[in-house]
Amino acid sequence: MKLIVAIIQPTRLAAVQAALEKAGISRMTVCDAHGFARQRGQTATFRGMEYKTHLLRKVTLEIAVNEDFVERTIDTICKAAKTGQEGNIGDGKIFVLPLGEAHDLGAAVSGPEAL
C-alpha cells in the first residue's frame, strides 16, 4: 500500500479529478494548501497597488492505493496536472510514501481491503 501526495495548481483540480475517475481511481482527499518553491511567490496588483505574495495557493491530493494502482495514479496525475506551458515551474510535485496500515471505520476492515 502507498500514499500518493500530489501538490498541484488549483486550476487543474477538476481535470485531475476527472482523469483519476476515468482511470478507475475514485477515492481521494483534497486540501487547500499554500507554499512556495523555486518561484518564491509572485507579484500581484490589487486596487492599483502592487504587492508580493510569498505563499502561492495550491491544492494537495492524498490518495491511498494498492500496489497495482501506484503507476497508473502517478501517470494520470502527471498528464492531467500539467498547465501546458513547457518547463513551467509551479505545475506541482508528487510524493509516494509507504502506507503501513489502513482501517475503514465504517466497514470495520483493515489492510488493503480498507482502501
PDB file of N, CA and C in Angstrom:
ATOM      1  N   MET A   1       0.845  -1.177   0.000  1.00  0.00           N
ATOM      2  CA  MET A   1       0.000   0.000   0.000  1.00  0.00           C
ATOM      3  C   MET A   1       0.889   1.237   0.000  1.00  0.00           C
ATOM      4  N   LYS A   2       0.433   2.262  -0.722  1.00  0.00           N
ATOM      5  CA  LYS A   2       1.173   3.519  -0.821  1.00  0.00           C
ATOM      6  C   LYS A   2       0.225   4.688  -0.618  1.00  0.00           C
ATOM      7  N   LEU A   3       0.769   5.778  -0.100  1.00  0.00           N
ATOM      8  CA  LEU A   3       0.041   7.039  -0.010  1.00  0.00           C
ATOM      9  C   LEU A   3       0.677   7.982  -1.016  1.00  0.00           C
ATOM     10  N   ILE A   4      -0.093   8.390  -1.997  1.00  0.00           N
ATOM     11  CA  ILE A   4       0.390   9.321  -3.013  1.00  0.00           C
ATOM     12  C   ILE A   4      -0.094  10.708  -2.625  1.00  0.00           C
ATOM     13  N   VAL A   5       0.857  11.623  -2.471  1.00  0.00           N
ATOM     14  CA  VAL A   5       0.554  13.010  -2.125  1.00  0.00           C
ATOM     15  C   VAL A   5       0.959  13.863  -3.321  1.00  0.00           C
ATOM     16  N   ALA A   6       0.000  14.542  -3.909  1.00  0.00           N
ATOM     17  CA  ALA A   6       0.269  15.394  -5.069  1.00  0.00           C
ATOM     18  C   ALA A   6      -0.097  16.829  -4.723  1.00  0.00           C
ATOM     19  N   ILE A   7       0.804  17.738  -5.033  1.00  0.00           N
ATOM     20  CA  ILE A   7       0.555  19.166  -4.843  1.00  0.00           C
ATOM     21  C   ILE A   7       0.452  19.762  -6.241  1.00  0.00           C
ATOM     22  N   ILE A   8      -0.723  20.318  -6.568  1.00  0.00           N
ATOM     23  CA  ILE A   8      -0.988  20.788  -7.928  1.00  0.00           C
ATOM     24  C   ILE A   8      -1.580  22.194  -7.916  1.00  0.00           C
ATOM     25  N   GLN A   9      -1.684  22.783  -9.105  1.00  0.00           N
ATOM     26  CA  GLN A   9      -2.340  24.078  -9.264  1.00  0.00           C
ATOM     27  C   GLN A   9      -3.842  23.911  -9.025  1.00  0.00           C
ATOM     28  N   PRO A  10      -4.481  24.825  -8.309  1.00  0.00           N
ATOM     29  CA  PRO A  10      -5.927  24.725  -8.072  1.00  0.00           C
ATOM     30  C   PRO A  10      -6.740  24.690  -9.370  1.00  0.00           C
ATOM     31  N   THR A  11      -6.253  25.360 -10.395  1.00  0.00           N
ATOM     32  CA  THR A  11      -6.974  25.389 -11.668  1.00  0.00           C
ATOM     33  C   THR A  11      -6.970  24.042 -12.377  1.00  0.00           C
ATOM     34  N   ARG A  12      -6.131  23.113 -11.959  1.00  0.00           N
ATOM     35  CA  ARG A  12      -6.034  21.797 -12.587  1.00  0.00           C
ATOM     36  C   ARG A  12      -6.790  20.725 -11.810  1.00  0.00           C
ATOM     37  N   LEU A  13      -7.408  21.086 -10.688  1.00  0.00           N
ATOM     38  CA  LEU A  13      -8.079  20.098  -9.840  1.00  0.00           C
ATOM     39  C   LEU A  13      -9.189  19.356 -10.573  1.00  0.00           C
ATOM     40  N   ALA A  14     -10.066  20.058 -11.258  1.00  0.00           N
ATOM     41  CA  ALA A  14     -11.186  19.404 -11.946  1.00  0.00           C
ATOM     42  C   ALA A  14     -10.682  18.428 -13.003  1.00  0.00           C
ATOM     43  N   ALA A  15      -9.659  18.822 -13.753  1.00  0.00           N
ATOM     44  CA  ALA A  15      -9.107  17.945 -14.791  1.00  0.00           C
ATOM     45  C   ALA A  15      -8.458  16.708 -14.179  1.00  0.00           C
ATOM     46  N   VAL A  16      -7.732  16.888 -13.085  1.00  0.00           N
ATOM     47  CA  VAL A  16      -7.084  15.752 -12.419  1.00  0.00           C
ATOM     48  C   VAL A  16      -8.134  14.811 -11.842  1.00  0.00           C
ATOM     49  N   GLN A  17      -9.138  15.364 -11.191  1.00  0.00           N
ATOM     50  CA  GLN A  17     -10.194  14.531 -10.605  1.00  0.00           C
ATOM     51  C   GLN A  17     -10.912  13.723 -11.687  1.00  0.00           C
ATOM     52  N   ALA A  18     -11.257  14.356 -12.797  1.00  0.00           N
ATOM     53  CA  ALA A  18     -11.940  13.655 -13.891  1.00  0.00           C
ATOM     54  C   ALA A  18     -11.052  12.559 -14.477  1.00  0.00           C
ATOM     55  N   ALA A  19      -9.769  12.846 -14.650  1.00  0.00           N
ATOM     56  CA  ALA A  19      -8.842  11.858 -15.202  1.00  0.00           C
ATOM     57  C   ALA A  19      -8.664  10.674 -14.254  1.00  0.00           C
ATOM     58  N   LEU A  20      -8.588  10.953 -12.951  1.00  0.00           N
ATOM     59  CA  LEU A  20      -8.453   9.863 -11.975  1.00  0.00           C
ATOM     60  C   LEU A  20      -9.695   8.976 -11.978  1.00  0.00           C
ATOM     61  N   GLU A  21     -10.867   9.582 -12.024  1.00  0.00           N
ATOM     62  CA  GLU A  21     -12.103   8.796 -12.065  1.00  0.00           C
ATOM     63  C   GLU A  21     -12.157   7.933 -13.317  1.00  0.00           C
ATOM     64  N   LYS A  22     -11.729   8.494 -14.447  1.00  0.00           N
ATOM     65  CA  LYS A  22     -11.707   7.739 -15.703  1.00  0.00           C
ATOM     66  C   LYS A  22     -10.726   6.566 -15.625  1.00  0.00           C
ATOM     67  N   ALA A  23      -9.645   6.733 -14.851  1.00  0.00           N
ATOM     68  CA  ALA A  23      -8.631   5.687 -14.686  1.00  0.00           C
ATOM     69  C   ALA A  23      -9.017   4.671 -13.613  1.00  0.00           C
ATOM     70  N   GLY A  24     -10.193   4.836 -13.010  1.00  0.00           N
ATOM     71  CA  GLY A  24     -10.651   3.888 -12.003  1.00  0.00           C
ATOM     72  C   GLY A  24     -10.202   4.193 -10.589  1.00  0.00           C
ATOM     73  N   ILE A  25      -9.742   5.416 -10.356  1.00  0.00           N
ATOM     74  CA  ILE A  25      -9.306   5.831  -9.019  1.00  0.00           C
ATOM     75  C   ILE A  25     -10.347   6.821  -8.513  1.00  0.00           C
ATOM     76  N   SER A  26     -11.153   6.375  -7.561  1.00  0.00           N
ATOM     77  CA  SER A  26     -12.323   7.171  -7.182  1.00  0.00           C
ATOM     78  C   SER A  26     -12.299   7.670  -5.738  1.00  0.00           C
ATOM     79  N   ARG A  27     -11.198   7.468  -5.040  1.00  0.00           N
ATOM     80  CA  ARG A  27     -11.138   7.913  -3.642  1.00  0.00           C
ATOM     81  C   ARG A  27      -9.912   8.800  -3.443  1.00  0.00           C
ATOM     82  N   MET A  28     -10.142   9.992  -2.911  1.00  0.00           N
ATOM     83  CA  MET A  28      -9.030  10.881  -2.592  1.00  0.00           C
ATOM     84  C   MET A  28      -9.487  11.945  -1.607  1.00  0.00           C
ATOM     85  N   THR A  29      -8.525  12.535  -0.948  1.00  0.00           N
ATOM     86  CA  THR A  29      -8.761  13.656  -0.052  1.00  0.00           C
ATOM     87  C   THR A  29      -8.130  14.885  -0.691  1.00  0.00           C
ATOM     88  N   VAL A  30      -8.831  16.014  -0.654  1.00  0.00           N
ATOM     89  CA  VAL A  30      -8.343  17.258  -1.249  1.00  0.00           C
ATOM     90  C   VAL A  30      -8.281  18.319  -0.158  1.00  0.00           C
ATOM     91  N   CYS A  31      -7.144  19.009  -0.071  1.00  0.00           N
ATOM     92  CA  CYS A  31      -6.964  20.078   0.915  1.00  0.00           C
ATOM     93  C   CYS A  31      -6.376  21.304   0.229  1.00  0.00           C
ATOM     94  N   ASP A  32      -6.816  22.482   0.647  1.00  0.00           N
ATOM     95  CA  ASP A  32      -6.183  23.714   0.183  1.00  0.00           C
ATOM     96  C   ASP A  32      -4.820  23.826   0.848  1.00  0.00           C
ATOM     97  N   ALA A  33      -3.858  24.347   0.110  1.00  0.00           N
ATOM     98  CA  ALA A  33      -2.510  24.499   0.652  1.00  0.00           C
ATOM     99  C   ALA A  33      -1.904  25.797   0.133  1.00  0.00           C
ATOM    100  N   HIS A  34      -0.914  26.284   0.835  1.00  0.00           N
ATOM    101  CA  HIS A  34      -0.158  27.457   0.409  1.00  0.00           C
ATOM    102  C   HIS A  34       1.315  27.142   0.595  1.00  0.00           C
ATOM    103  N   GLY A  35       2.138  27.562  -0.349  1.00  0.00           N
ATOM    104  CA  GLY A  35       3.562  27.295  -0.234  1.00  0.00           C
ATOM    105  C   GLY A  35       4.335  27.959  -1.352  1.00  0.00           C
ATOM    106  N   PHE A  36       5.638  27.712  -1.351  1.00  0.00           N
ATOM    107  CA  PHE A  36       6.475  28.213  -2.428  1.00  0.00           C
ATOM    108  C   PHE A  36       7.638  27.260  -2.615  1.00  0.00           C
ATOM    109  N   ALA A  37       8.223  27.335  -3.786  1.00  0.00           N
ATOM    110  CA  ALA A  37       9.411  26.549  -4.099  1.00  0.00           C
ATOM    111  C   ALA A  37      10.354  27.465  -4.867  1.00  0.00           C
ATOM    112  N   ARG A  38      10.756  27.059  -6.044  1.00  0.00           N
ATOM    113  CA  ARG A  38      11.711  27.866  -6.815  1.00  0.00           C
ATOM    114  C   ARG A  38      11.174  29.231  -7.214  1.00  0.00           C
ATOM    115  N   GLN A  39       9.860  29.355  -7.408  1.00  0.00           N
ATOM    116  CA  GLN A  39       9.324  30.630  -7.886  1.00  0.00           C
ATOM    117  C   GLN A  39       9.266  31.698  -6.797  1.00  0.00           C
ATOM    118  N   ARG A  40       9.359  31.316  -5.538  1.00  0.00           N
ATOM    119  CA  ARG A  40       9.433  32.255  -4.404  1.00  0.00           C
ATOM    120  C   ARG A  40       8.304  33.273  -4.367  1.00  0.00           C
ATOM    121  N   GLY A  41       7.107  32.885  -4.703  1.00  0.00           N
ATOM    122  CA  GLY A  41       5.969  33.797  -4.656  1.00  0.00           C
ATOM    123  C   GLY A  41       5.756  34.484  -5.987  1.00  0.00           C
ATOM    124  N   GLN A  42       4.879  35.469  -5.980  1.00  0.00           N
ATOM    125  CA  GLN A  42       4.580  36.196  -7.214  1.00  0.00           C
ATOM    126  C   GLN A  42       4.162  37.612  -6.880  1.00  0.00           C
ATOM    127  N   THR A  43       4.209  38.476  -7.887  1.00  0.00           N
ATOM    128  CA  THR A  43       3.780  39.857  -7.731  1.00  0.00           C
ATOM    129  C   THR A  43       2.367  39.986  -8.285  1.00  0.00           C
ATOM    130  N   ALA A  44       1.504  40.654  -7.547  1.00  0.00           N
ATOM    131  CA  ALA A  44       0.116  40.836  -7.967  1.00  0.00           C
ATOM    132  C   ALA A  44      -0.263  42.303  -7.792  1.00  0.00           C
ATOM    133  N   THR A  45      -1.336  42.718  -8.469  1.00  0.00           N
ATOM    134  CA  THR A  45      -1.838  44.084  -8.355  1.00  0.00           C
ATOM    135  C   THR A  45      -3.253  44.037  -7.810  1.00  0.00           C
ATOM    136  N   PHE A  46      -3.519  44.847  -6.784  1.00  0.00           N
ATOM    137  CA  PHE A  46      -4.843  44.925  -6.184  1.00  0.00           C
ATOM    138  C   PHE A  46      -5.165  46.387  -5.959  1.00  0.00           C
ATOM    139  N   ARG A  47      -6.248  46.864  -6.594  1.00  0.00           N
ATOM    140  CA  ARG A  47      -6.681  48.265  -6.487  1.00  0.00           C
ATOM    141  C   ARG A  47      -5.550  49.247  -6.794  1.00  0.00           C
ATOM    142  N   GLY A  48      -4.812  48.916  -7.840  1.00  0.00           N
ATOM    143  CA  GLY A  48      -3.750  49.798  -8.286  1.00  0.00           C
ATOM    144  C   GLY A  48      -2.451  49.697  -7.514  1.00  0.00           C
ATOM    145  N   MET A  49      -2.423  48.910  -6.464  1.00  0.00           N
ATOM    146  CA  MET A  49      -1.208  48.744  -5.663  1.00  0.00           C
ATOM    147  C   MET A  49      -0.567  47.403  -6.002  1.00  0.00           C
ATOM    148  N   GLU A  50       0.731  47.418  -6.158  1.00  0.00           N
ATOM    149  CA  GLU A  50       1.459  46.190  -6.433  1.00  0.00           C
ATOM    150  C   GLU A  50       1.980  45.619  -5.115  1.00  0.00           C
ATOM    151  N   TYR A  51       1.828  44.314  -4.954  1.00  0.00           N
ATOM    152  CA  TYR A  51       2.334  43.671  -3.750  1.00  0.00           C
ATOM    153  C   TYR A  51       2.858  42.287  -4.095  1.00  0.00           C
ATOM    154  N   LYS A  52       3.725  41.776  -3.254  1.00  0.00           N
ATOM    155  CA  LYS A  52       4.320  40.459  -3.478  1.00  0.00           C
ATOM    156  C   LYS A  52       3.714  39.465  -2.501  1.00  0.00           C
ATOM    157  N   THR A  53       3.250  38.349  -3.053  1.00  0.00           N
ATOM    158  CA  THR A  53       2.760  37.265  -2.210  1.00  0.00           C
ATOM    159  C   THR A  53       3.870  36.230  -2.111  1.00  0.00           C
ATOM    160  N   HIS A  54       4.185  35.825  -0.906  1.00  0.00           N
ATOM    161  CA  HIS A  54       5.273  34.868  -0.707  1.00  0.00           C
ATOM    162  C   HIS A  54       4.781  33.431  -0.767  1.00  0.00           C
ATOM    163  N   LEU A  55       3.520  33.225  -0.457  1.00  0.00           N
ATOM    164  CA  LEU A  55       2.948  31.882  -0.498  1.00  0.00           C
ATOM    165  C   LEU A  55       1.928  31.806  -1.623  1.00  0.00           C
ATOM    166  N   LEU A  56       2.061  30.811  -2.463  1.00  0.00           N
ATOM    167  CA  LEU A  56       1.146  30.620  -3.584  1.00  0.00           C
ATOM    168  C   LEU A  56       0.095  29.585  -3.227  1.00  0.00           C
ATOM    169  N   ARG A  57      -1.100  29.782  -3.753  1.00  0.00           N
ATOM    170  CA  ARG A  57      -2.201  28.854  -3.494  1.00  0.00           C
ATOM    171  C   ARG A  57      -1.980  27.580  -4.297  1.00  0.00           C
ATOM    172  N   LYS A  58      -2.124  26.440  -3.645  1.00  0.00           N
ATOM    173  CA  LYS A  58      -2.009  25.118  -4.257  1.00  0.00           C
ATOM    174  C   LYS A  58      -3.116  24.234  -3.707  1.00  0.00           C
ATOM    175  N   VAL A  59      -3.226  23.036  -4.255  1.00  0.00           N
ATOM    176  CA  VAL A  59      -4.158  22.031  -3.768  1.00  0.00           C
ATOM    177  C   VAL A  59      -3.354  20.762  -3.511  1.00  0.00           C
ATOM    178  N   THR A  60      -3.586  20.137  -2.367  1.00  0.00           N
ATOM    179  CA  THR A  60      -2.927  18.873  -2.044  1.00  0.00           C
ATOM    180  C   THR A  60      -3.928  17.741  -2.169  1.00  0.00           C
ATOM    181  N   LEU A  61      -3.540  16.710  -2.912  1.00  0.00           N
ATOM    182  CA  LEU A  61      -4.346  15.499  -3.039  1.00  0.00           C
ATOM    183  C   LEU A  61      -3.654  14.390  -2.269  1.00  0.00           C
ATOM    184  N   GLU A  62      -4.417  13.631  -1.517  1.00  0.00           N
ATOM    185  CA  GLU A  62      -3.895  12.445  -0.835  1.00  0.00           C
ATOM    186  C   GLU A  62      -4.694  11.252  -1.325  1.00  0.00           C
ATOM    187  N   ILE A  63      -3.993  10.270  -1.885  1.00  0.00           N
ATOM    188  CA  ILE A  63      -4.654   9.114  -2.473  1.00  0.00           C
ATOM    189  C   ILE A  63      -3.965   7.857  -1.964  1.00  0.00           C
ATOM    190  N   ALA A  64      -4.693   7.032  -1.228  1.00  0.00           N
ATOM    191  CA  ALA A  64      -4.166   5.753  -0.746  1.00  0.00           C
ATOM    192  C   ALA A  64      -4.527   4.682  -1.765  1.00  0.00           C
ATOM    193  N   VAL A  65      -3.503   3.956  -2.244  1.00  0.00           N
ATOM    194  CA  VAL A  65      -3.733   2.951  -3.282  1.00  0.00           C
ATOM    195  C   VAL A  65      -2.985   1.662  -2.973  1.00  0.00           C
ATOM    196  N   ASN A  66      -3.482   0.569  -3.545  1.00  0.00           N
ATOM    197  CA  ASN A  66      -2.760  -0.697  -3.520  1.00  0.00           C
ATOM    198  C   ASN A  66      -1.640  -0.620  -4.551  1.00  0.00           C
ATOM    199  N   GLU A  67      -0.670  -1.514  -4.442  1.00  0.00           N
ATOM    200  CA  GLU A  67       0.495  -1.500  -5.332  1.00  0.00           C
ATOM    201  C   GLU A  67       0.112  -1.490  -6.811  1.00  0.00           C
ATOM    202  N   ASP A  68      -0.967  -2.173  -7.174  1.00  0.00           N
ATOM    203  CA  ASP A  68      -1.383  -2.263  -8.577  1.00  0.00           C
ATOM    204  C   ASP A  68      -1.771  -0.909  -9.171  1.00  0.00           C
ATOM    205  N   PHE A  69      -2.108   0.062  -8.335  1.00  0.00           N
ATOM    206  CA  PHE A  69      -2.604   1.353  -8.817  1.00  0.00           C
ATOM    207  C   PHE A  69      -1.569   2.477  -8.732  1.00  0.00           C
ATOM    208  N   VAL A  70      -0.385   2.213  -8.209  1.00  0.00           N
ATOM    209  CA  VAL A  70       0.595   3.282  -7.980  1.00  0.00           C
ATOM    210  C   VAL A  70       0.994   3.968  -9.286  1.00  0.00           C
ATOM    211  N   GLU A  71       1.505   3.219 -10.250  1.00  0.00           N
ATOM    212  CA  GLU A  71       1.974   3.825 -11.503  1.00  0.00           C
ATOM    213  C   GLU A  71       0.837   4.475 -12.281  1.00  0.00           C
ATOM    214  N   ARG A  72      -0.312   3.831 -12.302  1.00  0.00           N
ATOM    215  CA  ARG A  72      -1.473   4.385 -13.010  1.00  0.00           C
ATOM    216  C   ARG A  72      -1.868   5.731 -12.403  1.00  0.00           C
ATOM    217  N   THR A  73      -1.860   5.812 -11.084  1.00  0.00           N
ATOM    218  CA  THR A  73      -2.229   7.055 -10.399  1.00  0.00           C
ATOM    219  C   THR A  73      -1.223   8.161 -10.699  1.00  0.00           C
ATOM    220  N   ILE A  74       0.059   7.849 -10.602  1.00  0.00           N
ATOM    221  CA  ILE A  74       1.108   8.842 -10.865  1.00  0.00           C
ATOM    222  C   ILE A  74       1.031   9.337 -12.307  1.00  0.00           C
ATOM    223  N   ASP A  75       0.931   8.418 -13.259  1.00  0.00           N
ATOM    224  CA  ASP A  75       0.864   8.802 -14.674  1.00  0.00           C
ATOM    225  C   ASP A  75      -0.349   9.682 -14.959  1.00  0.00           C
ATOM    226  N   THR A  76      -1.480   9.321 -14.371  1.00  0.00           N
ATOM    227  CA  THR A  76      -2.712  10.083 -14.591  1.00  0.00           C
ATOM    228  C   THR A  76      -2.581  11.500 -14.051  1.00  0.00           C
ATOM    229  N   ILE A  77      -2.051  11.640 -12.847  1.00  0.00           N
ATOM    230  CA  ILE A  77      -1.873  12.972 -12.257  1.00  0.00           C
ATOM    231  C   ILE A  77      -0.890  13.790 -13.089  1.00  0.00           C
ATOM    232  N   CYS A  78       0.227  13.179 -13.482  1.00  0.00           N
ATOM    233  CA  CYS A  78       1.236  13.900 -14.276  1.00  0.00           C
ATOM    234  C   CYS A  78       0.639  14.466 -15.557  1.00  0.00           C
ATOM    235  N   LYS A  79      -0.134  13.662 -16.259  1.00  0.00           N
ATOM    236  CA  LYS A  79      -0.709  14.109 -17.529  1.00  0.00           C
ATOM    237  C   LYS A  79      -1.778  15.181 -17.321  1.00  0.00           C
ATOM    238  N   ALA A  80      -2.635  15.006 -16.324  1.00  0.00           N
ATOM    239  CA  ALA A  80      -3.767  15.920 -16.135  1.00  0.00           C
ATOM    240  C   ALA A  80      -3.393  17.213 -15.415  1.00  0.00           C
ATOM    241  N   ALA A  81      -2.324  17.210 -14.634  1.00  0.00           N
ATOM    242  CA  ALA A  81      -1.978  18.384 -13.830  1.00  0.00           C
ATOM    243  C   ALA A  81      -1.142  19.408 -14.583  1.00  0.00           C
ATOM    244  N   LYS A  82      -0.565  19.025 -15.707  1.00  0.00           N
ATOM    245  CA  LYS A  82       0.288  19.959 -16.446  1.00  0.00           C
ATOM    246  C   LYS A  82      -0.534  21.114 -17.002  1.00  0.00           C
ATOM    247  N   THR A  83       0.035  22.314 -16.910  1.00  0.00           N
ATOM    248  CA  THR A  83      -0.653  23.506 -17.403  1.00  0.00           C
ATOM    249  C   THR A  83      -0.493  23.688 -18.904  1.00  0.00           C
ATOM    250  N   GLY A  84       0.406  22.935 -19.514  1.00  0.00           N
ATOM    251  CA  GLY A  84       0.627  23.050 -20.948  1.00  0.00           C
ATOM    252  C   GLY A  84       1.766  23.972 -21.319  1.00  0.00           C
ATOM    253  N   GLN A  85       2.344  24.634 -20.332  1.00  0.00           N
ATOM    254  CA  GLN A  85       3.480  25.512 -20.585  1.00  0.00           C
ATOM    255  C   GLN A  85       4.750  24.713 -20.328  1.00  0.00           C
ATOM    256  N   GLU A  86       5.523  24.459 -21.376  1.00  0.00           N
ATOM    257  CA  GLU A  86       6.721  23.630 -21.279  1.00  0.00           C
ATOM    258  C   GLU A  86       7.686  24.184 -20.234  1.00  0.00           C
ATOM    259  N   GLY A  87       8.132  23.320 -19.333  1.00  0.00           N
ATOM    260  CA  GLY A  87       9.091  23.725 -18.315  1.00  0.00           C
ATOM    261  C   GLY A  87       8.530  24.656 -17.261  1.00  0.00           C
ATOM    262  N   ASN A  88       7.212  24.731 -17.140  1.00  0.00           N
ATOM    263  CA  ASN A  88       6.587  25.647 -16.191  1.00  0.00           C
ATOM    264  C   ASN A  88       6.881  25.219 -14.757  1.00  0.00           C
ATOM    265  N   ILE A  89       7.575  26.079 -14.013  1.00  0.00           N
ATOM    266  CA  ILE A  89       7.747  25.778 -12.601  1.00  0.00           C
ATOM    267  C   ILE A  89       6.434  26.089 -11.902  1.00  0.00           C
ATOM    268  N   GLY A  90       6.101  25.288 -10.928  1.00  0.00           N
ATOM    269  CA  GLY A  90       4.860  25.500 -10.207  1.00  0.00           C
ATOM    270  C   GLY A  90       3.735  24.584 -10.640  1.00  0.00           C
ATOM    271  N   ASP A  91       3.976  23.691 -11.615  1.00  0.00           N
ATOM    272  CA  ASP A  91       2.931  22.750 -12.023  1.00  0.00           C
ATOM    273  C   ASP A  91       2.625  21.750 -10.914  1.00  0.00           C
ATOM    274  N   GLY A  92       3.603  21.443 -10.077  1.00  0.00           N
ATOM    275  CA  GLY A  92       3.323  20.563  -8.949  1.00  0.00           C
ATOM    276  C   GLY A  92       4.412  19.559  -8.653  1.00  0.00           C
ATOM    277  N   LYS A  93       4.142  18.749  -7.639  1.00  0.00           N
ATOM    278  CA  LYS A  93       5.043  17.687  -7.188  1.00  0.00           C
ATOM    279  C   LYS A  93       4.193  16.495  -6.788  1.00  0.00           C
ATOM    280  N   ILE A  94       4.798  15.302  -6.878  1.00  0.00           N
ATOM    281  CA  ILE A  94       4.145  14.083  -6.408  1.00  0.00           C
ATOM    282  C   ILE A  94       5.123  13.358  -5.495  1.00  0.00           C
ATOM    283  N   PHE A  95       4.629  12.944  -4.340  1.00  0.00           N
ATOM    284  CA  PHE A  95       5.417  12.171  -3.386  1.00  0.00           C
ATOM    285  C   PHE A  95       4.722  10.833  -3.169  1.00  0.00           C
ATOM    286  N   VAL A  96       5.494   9.761  -3.097  1.00  0.00           N
ATOM    287  CA  VAL A  96       4.944   8.426  -2.864  1.00  0.00           C
ATOM    288  C   VAL A  96       5.528   7.913  -1.552  1.00  0.00           C
ATOM    289  N   LEU A  97       4.637   7.642  -0.596  1.00  0.00           N
ATOM    290  CA  LEU A  97       5.048   7.220   0.742  1.00  0.00           C
ATOM    291  C   LEU A  97       4.536   5.815   1.035  1.00  0.00           C
ATOM    292  N   PRO A  98       5.303   5.034   1.787  1.00  0.00           N
ATOM    293  CA  PRO A  98       4.784   3.728   2.195  1.00  0.00           C
ATOM    294  C   PRO A  98       3.624   3.917   3.172  1.00  0.00           C
ATOM    295  N   LEU A  99       2.635   3.072   3.060  1.00  0.00           N
ATOM    296  CA  LEU A  99       1.462   3.145   3.929  1.00  0.00           C
ATOM    297  C   LEU A  99       1.422   1.855   4.738  1.00  0.00           C
ATOM    298  N   GLY A 100       1.759   1.962   6.012  1.00  0.00           N
ATOM    299  CA  GLY A 100       1.872   0.785   6.870  1.00  0.00           C
ATOM    300  C   GLY A 100       0.555   0.106   7.169  1.00  0.00           C
ATOM    301  N   GLU A 101      -0.451   0.879   7.468  1.00  0.00           N
ATOM    302  CA  GLU A 101      -1.751   0.317   7.831  1.00  0.00           C
ATOM    303  C   GLU A 101      -2.861   1.192   7.274  1.00  0.00           C
ATOM    304  N   ALA A 102      -4.021   0.565   7.089  1.00  0.00           N
ATOM    305  CA  ALA A 102      -5.228   1.295   6.703  1.00  0.00           C
ATOM    306  C   ALA A 102      -6.406   0.632   7.396  1.00  0.00           C
ATOM    307  N   HIS A 103      -7.331   1.440   7.883  1.00  0.00           N
ATOM    308  CA  HIS A 103      -8.516   0.934   8.576  1.00  0.00           C
ATOM    309  C   HIS A 103      -9.741   1.665   8.049  1.00  0.00           C
ATOM    310  N   ASP A 104     -10.747   0.937   7.633  1.00  0.00           N
ATOM    311  CA  ASP A 104     -12.019   1.513   7.206  1.00  0.00           C
ATOM    312  C   ASP A 104     -12.955   1.440   8.403  1.00  0.00           C
ATOM    313  N   LEU A 105     -13.282   2.575   8.972  1.00  0.00           N
ATOM    314  CA  LEU A 105     -14.080   2.607  10.197  1.00  0.00           C
ATOM    315  C   LEU A 105     -15.493   2.100   9.980  1.00  0.00           C
ATOM    316  N   GLY A 106     -16.104   2.451   8.856  1.00  0.00           N
ATOM    317  CA  GLY A 106     -17.484   2.042   8.592  1.00  0.00           C
ATOM    318  C   GLY A 106     -17.620   0.561   8.308  1.00  0.00           C
ATOM    319  N   ALA A 107     -16.713   0.030   7.490  1.00  0.00           N
ATOM    320  CA  ALA A 107     -16.790  -1.385   7.105  1.00  0.00           C
ATOM    321  C   ALA A 107     -16.087  -2.297   8.099  1.00  0.00           C
ATOM    322  N   ALA A 108     -15.355  -1.718   9.034  1.00  0.00           N
ATOM    323  CA  ALA A 108     -14.615  -2.472  10.052  1.00  0.00           C
ATOM    324  C   ALA A 108     -13.652  -3.480   9.429  1.00  0.00           C
ATOM    325  N   VAL A 109     -12.912  -3.023   8.389  1.00  0.00           N
ATOM    326  CA  VAL A 109     -11.881  -3.863   7.782  1.00  0.00           C
ATOM    327  C   VAL A 109     -10.545  -3.138   7.853  1.00  0.00           C
ATOM    328  N   SER A 110      -9.471  -3.912   7.781  1.00  0.00           N
ATOM    329  CA  SER A 110      -8.124  -3.353   7.849  1.00  0.00           C
ATOM    330  C   SER A 110      -7.283  -3.882   6.698  1.00  0.00           C
ATOM    331  N   GLY A 111      -6.162  -3.202   6.463  1.00  0.00           N
ATOM    332  CA  GLY A 111      -5.241  -3.632   5.421  1.00  0.00           C
ATOM    333  C   GLY A 111      -5.671  -3.155   4.047  1.00  0.00           C
ATOM    334  N   PRO A 112      -5.194  -3.833   2.989  1.00  0.00           N
ATOM    335  CA  PRO A 112      -5.513  -3.414   1.620  1.00  0.00           C
ATOM    336  C   PRO A 112      -7.011  -3.360   1.328  1.00  0.00           C
ATOM    337  N   GLU A 113      -7.795  -4.180   2.000  1.00  0.00           N
ATOM    338  CA  GLU A 113      -9.251  -4.168   1.793  1.00  0.00           C
ATOM    339  C   GLU A 113      -9.875  -2.846   2.231  1.00  0.00           C
ATOM    340  N   ALA A 114      -9.211  -2.129   3.114  1.00  0.00           N
ATOM    341  CA  ALA A 114      -9.742  -0.862   3.623  1.00  0.00           C
ATOM    342  C   ALA A 114      -9.633   0.265   2.595  1.00  0.00           C
ATOM    343  N   LEU A 115      -8.814   0.047   1.576  1.00  0.00           N
ATOM    344  CA  LEU A 115      -8.640   1.088   0.561  1.00  0.00           C
ATOM    345  C   LEU A 115      -9.751   1.016  -0.446  1.00  0.00           C
TER     346      LEU A 115
END
